[in-house]
N, C-alpha and C. Protein backbone atom coordinates (compact mmCIF):
# COMPACT_ATOMS: atom_id res chain seq x y z
N UNK A 1 85.94 99.62 102.00
CA UNK A 1 86.06 98.79 103.29
C UNK A 1 85.87 97.03 102.76
N UNK A 2 86.53 96.33 103.20
CA UNK A 2 86.96 94.61 102.87
C UNK A 2 86.23 94.77 101.24
N UNK A 3 87.44 95.71 100.72
CA UNK A 3 87.43 95.55 99.14
C UNK A 3 86.53 96.60 98.27
N UNK A 4 85.88 97.38 98.82
CA UNK A 4 84.96 97.59 98.25
C UNK A 4 85.00 99.70 98.22
N UNK A 5 84.84 100.06 97.18
CA UNK A 5 85.19 101.40 97.04
C UNK A 5 84.10 101.95 97.55
N UNK A 6 83.89 102.59 98.95
CA UNK A 6 83.05 103.18 99.98
C UNK A 6 83.33 105.18 99.73
N UNK A 7 82.54 105.68 99.71
CA UNK A 7 82.97 107.46 100.06
C UNK A 7 82.16 107.48 101.50
N UNK A 8 83.24 108.00 102.16
CA UNK A 8 82.94 108.57 103.65
C UNK A 8 81.80 109.73 103.54
N UNK A 9 80.87 109.42 104.30
CA UNK A 9 79.63 110.16 104.43
C UNK A 9 79.77 110.94 105.60
N UNK A 10 80.27 110.41 106.90
CA UNK A 10 80.13 111.38 108.27
C UNK A 10 81.56 110.86 108.46
N UNK A 11 82.25 111.31 109.74
CA UNK A 11 83.27 110.54 110.62
C UNK A 11 82.92 111.52 112.04
N UNK A 12 82.59 110.20 113.08
CA UNK A 12 82.67 110.52 114.14
C UNK A 12 84.05 110.39 115.06
N UNK A 13 84.13 110.85 116.44
CA UNK A 13 85.14 110.04 117.29
C UNK A 13 85.80 109.13 117.04
N UNK A 14 84.79 108.08 117.38
CA UNK A 14 85.50 106.88 116.59
C UNK A 14 84.62 106.01 115.73
N UNK A 15 83.94 106.84 114.93
CA UNK A 15 83.16 105.79 114.00
C UNK A 15 83.46 106.25 112.54
N UNK A 16 83.12 105.42 111.72
CA UNK A 16 83.04 106.60 110.25
C UNK A 16 81.71 105.97 109.83
N UNK A 17 80.75 106.69 108.99
CA UNK A 17 80.03 106.48 108.36
C UNK A 17 79.77 106.05 106.76
N UNK A 18 79.16 105.62 106.11
CA UNK A 18 79.38 105.27 104.56
C UNK A 18 77.70 105.38 103.99
N UNK A 19 77.50 105.93 102.85
CA UNK A 19 76.35 105.16 101.90
C UNK A 19 76.38 104.38 101.53
N UNK A 20 75.74 103.43 101.41
CA UNK A 20 75.97 102.46 100.78
C UNK A 20 74.28 101.43 100.26
N UNK A 21 74.56 101.70 98.95
CA UNK A 21 73.34 101.25 97.74
C UNK A 21 72.91 99.92 97.58
N UNK A 22 71.56 99.66 98.12
CA UNK A 22 71.12 98.04 97.86
C UNK A 22 72.20 97.06 96.83
N UNK A 23 72.49 97.68 95.38
CA UNK A 23 72.92 97.30 94.39
C UNK A 23 74.12 96.44 95.06
N UNK A 24 75.46 97.43 96.33
CA UNK A 24 76.70 97.05 96.61
C UNK A 24 75.83 95.95 97.61
N UNK A 25 74.90 95.99 98.21
CA UNK A 25 74.93 94.92 99.34
C UNK A 25 74.66 94.04 99.14
N UNK A 26 73.84 93.95 98.34
CA UNK A 26 73.46 92.35 97.38
C UNK A 26 74.53 91.84 96.22
N UNK A 27 75.88 92.68 96.15
CA UNK A 27 76.69 91.81 95.50
C UNK A 27 78.12 91.97 96.04
N UNK A 28 78.03 92.38 97.65
CA UNK A 28 79.19 92.21 98.53
C UNK A 28 78.74 91.27 99.64
N UNK A 29 80.00 91.17 100.44
CA UNK A 29 79.78 90.78 101.88
C UNK A 29 79.29 91.81 103.19
N UNK A 30 79.43 93.37 102.61
CA UNK A 30 78.85 94.09 103.45
C UNK A 30 77.35 94.25 103.93
N UNK A 31 76.61 93.21 103.47
CA UNK A 31 75.33 93.32 104.41
C UNK A 31 75.34 92.24 105.34
N UNK A 32 76.37 90.98 105.68
CA UNK A 32 76.47 90.45 106.80
C UNK A 32 77.10 90.92 107.60
N UNK A 33 77.93 91.98 107.65
CA UNK A 33 78.55 92.93 108.64
C UNK A 33 77.68 93.25 110.06
N UNK A 34 77.97 93.47 111.38
CA UNK A 34 77.29 93.96 112.32
C UNK A 34 78.60 94.89 112.94
N UNK A 35 77.70 95.87 113.77
CA UNK A 35 78.40 96.52 114.74
C UNK A 35 79.55 96.08 115.22
N UNK A 36 80.86 96.07 115.21
CA UNK A 36 82.13 95.52 116.17
C UNK A 36 82.60 94.36 115.60
N UNK A 37 81.85 94.25 114.28
CA UNK A 37 82.94 93.17 113.10
C UNK A 37 83.91 93.97 112.53
N UNK A 38 85.53 93.27 112.78
CA UNK A 38 86.44 93.63 112.28
C UNK A 38 86.46 93.80 111.02
N UNK A 39 86.81 94.90 109.68
CA UNK A 39 87.12 94.90 108.39
C UNK A 39 88.13 95.61 108.08
N UNK A 40 88.12 95.43 106.59
CA UNK A 40 89.47 96.05 106.14
C UNK A 40 89.46 96.72 105.69
N UNK A 41 90.35 98.16 105.88
CA UNK A 41 89.85 99.20 105.31
C UNK A 41 91.55 100.02 105.11
N UNK A 42 91.38 100.79 103.98
CA UNK A 42 92.43 100.94 103.02
C UNK A 42 92.17 102.71 102.59
N UNK A 43 92.71 103.44 102.79
CA UNK A 43 92.63 105.15 101.99
C UNK A 43 92.90 104.69 100.02
N UNK A 44 92.03 105.36 99.80
CA UNK A 44 92.60 105.14 98.09
C UNK A 44 93.66 106.22 97.83
N UNK A 45 94.52 105.72 96.70
CA UNK A 45 95.79 105.83 96.43
C UNK A 45 95.59 107.53 95.93
N UNK A 46 96.38 108.17 96.43
CA UNK A 46 96.68 109.60 96.27
C UNK A 46 97.79 109.98 94.51
N UNK A 47 97.36 110.71 93.97
CA UNK A 47 98.14 110.56 92.55
C UNK A 47 99.93 111.24 92.83
N UNK A 48 100.41 110.22 92.46
CA UNK A 48 102.24 110.78 92.75
C UNK A 48 102.71 109.80 94.05
N UNK A 49 101.66 109.02 95.12
CA UNK A 49 101.99 108.02 95.71
C UNK A 49 102.46 106.97 95.15
N UNK A 50 103.68 106.11 95.66
CA UNK A 50 104.35 104.97 94.80
C UNK A 50 103.15 104.01 95.33
N UNK A 51 103.37 103.14 93.69
CA UNK A 51 102.79 101.83 93.48
C UNK A 51 103.25 100.60 93.90
N UNK A 52 102.26 99.82 94.47
CA UNK A 52 103.26 98.74 95.11
C UNK A 52 102.38 97.68 95.32
N UNK A 53 102.61 96.02 94.59
CA UNK A 53 101.38 95.24 94.37
C UNK A 53 100.61 95.32 93.02
N UNK A 54 99.34 94.76 93.12
CA UNK A 54 98.48 95.32 91.32
C UNK A 54 97.61 96.22 91.95
N UNK A 55 97.12 96.82 91.05
CA UNK A 55 96.05 97.85 90.93
C UNK A 55 94.69 97.41 91.86
N UNK A 56 93.99 97.70 92.89
CA UNK A 56 92.68 97.70 93.26
C UNK A 56 92.05 98.89 93.10
N UNK A 57 91.13 98.71 92.26
CA UNK A 57 89.94 99.66 91.86
C UNK A 57 88.72 99.83 93.12
N UNK A 58 88.72 98.52 93.57
CA UNK A 58 87.23 98.59 95.08
C UNK A 58 86.39 98.16 94.36
N UNK A 59 85.94 97.82 93.21
CA UNK A 59 85.31 97.55 92.22
C UNK A 59 84.80 96.10 91.99
N UNK A 60 84.27 95.32 92.88
CA UNK A 60 84.01 93.96 93.16
C UNK A 60 83.13 93.33 92.34
N UNK A 61 83.63 92.66 91.61
CA UNK A 61 83.51 92.08 90.51
C UNK A 61 82.39 90.39 91.51
N UNK A 62 82.73 90.33 92.39
CA UNK A 62 81.79 88.97 93.12
C UNK A 62 82.02 89.06 94.31
N UNK A 63 81.26 87.68 94.60
CA UNK A 63 81.90 86.97 96.06
C UNK A 63 81.84 85.55 96.11
N UNK A 64 82.76 85.29 96.39
CA UNK A 64 83.64 83.94 96.43
C UNK A 64 83.62 82.87 98.28
N UNK A 65 83.17 81.97 98.15
CA UNK A 65 83.09 81.15 99.62
C UNK A 65 84.39 80.85 99.63
N UNK A 66 84.29 80.79 101.15
CA UNK A 66 86.06 80.16 101.50
C UNK A 66 85.42 78.74 101.67
N UNK A 67 86.09 77.92 100.78
CA UNK A 67 85.76 76.38 100.71
C UNK A 67 86.28 75.35 101.75
N UNK A 68 88.10 76.10 101.76
CA UNK A 68 88.73 75.08 102.90
C UNK A 68 89.54 75.87 103.96
N UNK A 69 90.75 75.83 104.60
CA UNK A 69 91.69 76.92 105.31
C UNK A 69 92.28 76.02 105.86
N UNK A 70 93.72 75.96 105.37
CA UNK A 70 95.03 74.52 105.52
C UNK A 70 95.85 75.77 106.81
N UNK A 71 96.18 75.61 107.80
CA UNK A 71 97.10 76.63 108.21
C UNK A 71 98.37 75.69 108.19
N UNK A 72 98.72 74.38 107.86
CA UNK A 72 100.21 73.98 108.17
C UNK A 72 100.38 73.44 106.97
N UNK A 73 101.59 73.53 106.04
CA UNK A 73 102.66 74.12 106.49
C UNK A 73 102.92 75.55 106.44
N UNK A 74 101.52 75.88 105.73
CA UNK A 74 101.33 77.31 105.10
C UNK A 74 100.14 77.90 105.57
N UNK A 75 99.78 79.30 105.28
CA UNK A 75 98.20 78.94 105.02
C UNK A 75 97.45 79.81 104.05
N UNK A 76 96.71 78.51 103.57
CA UNK A 76 95.92 78.72 102.38
C UNK A 76 94.95 78.95 102.37
N UNK A 77 94.13 79.91 101.51
CA UNK A 77 92.54 79.81 101.73
C UNK A 77 92.36 79.22 100.48
N UNK A 78 91.07 78.19 100.58
CA UNK A 78 90.40 77.61 99.08
C UNK A 78 89.28 78.46 99.07
N UNK A 79 89.11 78.90 97.66
CA UNK A 79 87.75 80.08 97.51
C UNK A 79 87.33 79.63 96.16
N UNK A 80 86.20 79.44 95.97
CA UNK A 80 84.81 79.08 94.89
C UNK A 80 85.55 79.93 94.03
N UNK A 81 85.70 79.23 93.00
CA UNK A 81 85.94 80.50 91.79
C UNK A 81 84.47 80.95 90.72
N UNK A 82 83.68 81.56 91.54
CA UNK A 82 82.55 82.23 90.91
C UNK A 82 82.65 82.95 89.31
N UNK A 83 81.63 82.17 88.49
CA UNK A 83 81.52 81.71 87.29
C UNK A 83 82.23 83.15 86.61
N UNK A 84 81.39 84.39 87.16
CA UNK A 84 81.18 85.50 86.27
C UNK A 84 82.82 86.19 86.53
N UNK A 85 84.14 85.36 87.63
CA UNK A 85 85.08 85.91 87.34
C UNK A 85 86.24 84.81 87.53
N UNK A 86 86.00 83.87 87.09
CA UNK A 86 86.62 82.62 86.98
C UNK A 86 87.74 82.88 85.49
N UNK A 87 87.48 83.04 84.31
CA UNK A 87 88.06 83.80 83.58
C UNK A 87 89.29 84.69 83.35
N UNK A 88 89.15 85.27 84.86
CA UNK A 88 89.87 86.18 85.10
C UNK A 88 91.09 85.93 85.66
N UNK A 89 90.46 84.68 86.65
CA UNK A 89 91.57 84.31 87.73
C UNK A 89 92.68 83.45 87.25
N UNK A 90 93.54 83.97 87.09
CA UNK A 90 95.17 82.53 86.23
C UNK A 90 96.19 82.44 87.52
N UNK A 91 96.91 81.37 87.24
CA UNK A 91 97.83 81.00 88.34
C UNK A 91 98.69 82.16 87.78
N UNK A 92 99.11 82.47 89.65
CA UNK A 92 100.44 83.42 89.48
C UNK A 92 99.60 84.94 89.49
N UNK A 93 98.62 84.74 88.89
CA UNK A 93 98.17 86.33 88.97
C UNK A 93 97.80 86.69 90.15
N UNK A 94 97.08 87.68 89.66
CA UNK A 94 97.03 88.94 90.81
C UNK A 94 95.47 88.92 91.31
N UNK A 95 94.80 89.02 92.09
CA UNK A 95 93.04 88.80 92.85
C UNK A 95 93.06 89.57 94.23
N UNK A 96 92.36 90.14 94.19
CA UNK A 96 91.80 91.04 95.78
C UNK A 96 90.87 90.32 96.11
N UNK A 97 91.11 90.05 97.74
CA UNK A 97 90.14 89.11 98.41
C UNK A 97 90.04 90.01 99.75
N UNK A 98 88.64 90.39 99.46
CA UNK A 98 88.41 91.70 100.77
C UNK A 98 89.00 92.57 100.65
N UNK A 99 89.28 92.94 99.67
CA UNK A 99 90.69 94.05 99.66
C UNK A 99 91.86 93.98 99.57
N UNK A 100 92.31 92.86 99.97
CA UNK A 100 93.82 92.18 100.23
C UNK A 100 94.13 91.75 98.93
N UNK A 101 95.21 92.81 98.54
CA UNK A 101 95.84 92.47 96.62
C UNK A 101 96.34 90.96 97.30
N UNK A 102 96.73 89.39 96.69
CA UNK A 102 97.53 88.26 96.92
C UNK A 102 97.47 88.05 95.41
N UNK A 103 98.36 86.88 95.49
CA UNK A 103 98.67 86.00 94.40
C UNK A 103 97.88 85.23 94.57
N UNK A 104 97.28 84.36 93.30
CA UNK A 104 96.67 82.79 93.03
C UNK A 104 97.87 82.04 93.21
N UNK A 105 97.50 81.40 94.05
CA UNK A 105 99.31 80.16 94.06
C UNK A 105 98.51 78.73 93.84
N UNK A 106 97.56 78.44 93.36
CA UNK A 106 96.75 77.27 92.91
C UNK A 106 95.62 77.60 92.32
N UNK A 107 95.20 76.38 91.42
CA UNK A 107 93.78 76.88 90.71
C UNK A 107 93.61 75.66 90.23
N UNK A 108 92.32 75.12 90.12
CA UNK A 108 91.38 74.24 89.92
C UNK A 108 90.18 74.43 89.21
N UNK A 109 89.29 73.96 89.18
CA UNK A 109 88.08 73.82 87.47
C UNK A 109 87.34 74.69 88.59
N UNK A 110 87.25 74.89 89.84
CA UNK A 110 85.94 76.20 90.32
C UNK A 110 86.33 76.39 91.86
N UNK A 111 88.02 76.21 91.91
CA UNK A 111 88.34 77.07 93.16
C UNK A 111 89.53 77.52 92.25
N UNK A 112 90.38 78.21 93.28
CA UNK A 112 91.56 79.08 93.55
C UNK A 112 92.31 78.80 94.97
N UNK A 113 93.23 79.56 95.23
CA UNK A 113 94.12 78.92 96.56
C UNK A 113 94.65 80.25 96.54
N UNK A 114 95.03 80.89 97.55
CA UNK A 114 95.75 82.15 97.82
C UNK A 114 96.61 81.45 99.25
N UNK A 115 98.16 82.28 99.27
CA UNK A 115 98.41 81.87 100.34
C UNK A 115 98.83 82.93 101.08
N UNK A 116 98.80 83.04 102.43
CA UNK A 116 99.18 84.14 103.12
C UNK A 116 99.99 83.96 104.15
N UNK A 117 100.66 85.23 104.05
CA UNK A 117 102.33 85.50 104.33
C UNK A 117 101.99 85.73 106.24
N UNK A 118 103.22 85.23 107.14
CA UNK A 118 102.72 85.93 108.16
C UNK A 118 102.42 87.26 108.29
N UNK A 119 102.64 88.41 107.49
CA UNK A 119 102.27 89.54 107.83
C UNK A 119 101.04 89.85 107.77
N UNK A 120 100.46 89.19 106.63
CA UNK A 120 99.05 88.91 106.21
C UNK A 120 98.09 88.27 107.03
N UNK A 121 99.02 87.29 107.42
CA UNK A 121 97.86 87.01 108.53
C UNK A 121 97.80 87.53 109.93
N UNK A 122 99.10 88.51 110.06
CA UNK A 122 99.21 89.30 111.49
C UNK A 122 98.07 90.64 111.20
N UNK A 123 97.70 91.19 109.84
CA UNK A 123 97.40 92.08 109.93
C UNK A 123 95.90 92.14 109.19
N UNK A 124 95.15 91.07 108.86
CA UNK A 124 94.05 91.07 108.33
C UNK A 124 93.20 89.95 109.11
N UNK A 125 92.34 90.16 108.69
CA UNK A 125 91.03 89.03 108.69
C UNK A 125 90.12 87.90 108.26
N UNK A 126 91.24 87.79 106.94
CA UNK A 126 91.03 86.96 106.42
C UNK A 126 91.22 85.49 107.02
N UNK A 127 92.13 84.67 107.70
CA UNK A 127 92.32 83.25 108.03
C UNK A 127 91.55 83.37 109.37
N UNK A 128 90.63 84.62 109.93
CA UNK A 128 89.61 84.68 110.79
C UNK A 128 88.27 84.41 110.61
N UNK A 129 88.10 83.97 109.39
CA UNK A 129 86.44 84.26 108.39
C UNK A 129 86.13 82.85 108.67
N UNK A 130 84.76 82.76 108.99
CA UNK A 130 84.52 81.29 109.10
C UNK A 130 84.27 80.60 107.42
N UNK A 131 84.09 79.30 107.85
CA UNK A 131 83.62 78.23 106.59
C UNK A 131 82.42 79.01 105.71
N UNK A 132 82.56 79.19 104.57
CA UNK A 132 81.51 79.36 103.80
C UNK A 132 81.40 80.98 103.68
N UNK A 133 82.36 81.89 104.35
CA UNK A 133 82.42 83.20 104.62
C UNK A 133 82.54 83.88 102.45
N UNK A 134 81.47 84.50 102.38
CA UNK A 134 81.45 84.91 101.06
C UNK A 134 82.52 86.49 100.73
N UNK A 135 83.95 85.95 100.47
CA UNK A 135 84.97 87.01 100.58
C UNK A 135 84.87 87.60 99.28
N UNK A 136 84.69 89.00 99.35
CA UNK A 136 84.85 90.20 98.18
C UNK A 136 85.84 89.94 97.03
N UNK A 137 85.72 89.72 95.73
CA UNK A 137 86.69 89.41 94.98
C UNK A 137 86.86 90.42 93.89
N UNK A 138 87.70 91.05 93.35
CA UNK A 138 88.14 91.92 92.65
C UNK A 138 89.31 91.34 91.34
N UNK A 139 89.04 90.79 90.47
CA UNK A 139 89.93 90.29 89.35
C UNK A 139 90.89 91.21 88.74
N UNK A 140 92.13 90.74 88.52
CA UNK A 140 92.97 92.22 87.91
C UNK A 140 92.24 92.69 87.35
N UNK A 141 92.31 93.70 87.30
CA UNK A 141 91.85 94.96 86.04
C UNK A 141 92.77 94.71 84.57
N UNK A 142 93.93 94.37 84.94
CA UNK A 142 94.84 94.01 83.59
C UNK A 142 94.35 92.98 82.49
N UNK A 143 94.38 91.51 83.74
CA UNK A 143 93.30 90.38 83.13
C UNK A 143 92.13 90.96 82.57
N UNK A 144 91.37 91.61 83.20
CA UNK A 144 90.01 91.68 82.84
C UNK A 144 89.83 92.60 81.44
N UNK A 145 90.79 93.85 81.36
CA UNK A 145 90.83 94.31 79.85
C UNK A 145 91.46 93.64 78.65
N UNK A 146 92.08 92.88 79.25
CA UNK A 146 92.46 91.92 77.81
C UNK A 146 91.89 91.03 77.58
N UNK A 147 90.90 89.94 78.57
CA UNK A 147 90.02 89.35 78.19
C UNK A 147 88.89 89.51 77.55
N UNK A 148 88.44 90.79 78.30
CA UNK A 148 87.00 91.67 77.17
C UNK A 148 87.51 91.90 75.98
N UNK A 149 88.52 92.50 75.73
CA UNK A 149 89.17 93.07 74.73
C UNK A 149 89.54 91.69 73.65
N UNK A 150 90.14 91.02 73.70
CA UNK A 150 89.93 89.53 73.23
C UNK A 150 88.42 88.97 72.76
N UNK A 151 87.85 89.10 73.59
CA UNK A 151 86.45 88.91 73.49
C UNK A 151 85.24 89.37 72.52
N UNK A 152 85.77 90.94 72.48
CA UNK A 152 85.27 91.70 71.74
C UNK A 152 85.46 91.38 70.03
N UNK A 153 86.83 90.64 70.10
CA UNK A 153 87.41 90.87 68.71
C UNK A 153 86.70 89.60 67.95
N UNK A 154 86.69 88.87 68.90
CA UNK A 154 85.39 87.51 67.97
C UNK A 154 84.49 87.48 67.59
N UNK A 155 83.45 88.76 67.91
CA UNK A 155 82.31 88.81 67.39
C UNK A 155 82.27 89.49 66.19
């Protein structure tokens, strides 16, 4: 949900329940949600399924506040580039924003932008979030692996 890997704890006719620990609530936007809020839900990939896009594990690295929203000539969201995640966010690299796999369209010293295609606009809540909404961010696992490995080699 919103990019967080959660286990379904109960299913009712029109609702689904999840167990969420304090650690998850403190590091994600899930604690801000209220009954009736729209969220992004995606089922886990099954072994043997076709892979399309980048690997998204549901292991949120942190949150990034919405700094600016541009709707014309195309929709672009500018997000802060959090200190702990910034080294993994690279131009034309992949990033999951509230669980939606996107490409980094532009990058600055302390921000990055993603462009939303019409299908993403229609099927997600990304462009509907208010300014300063703390999106859940998951950097690309390949980028995290390479950077971490290189940093360990320097020690």
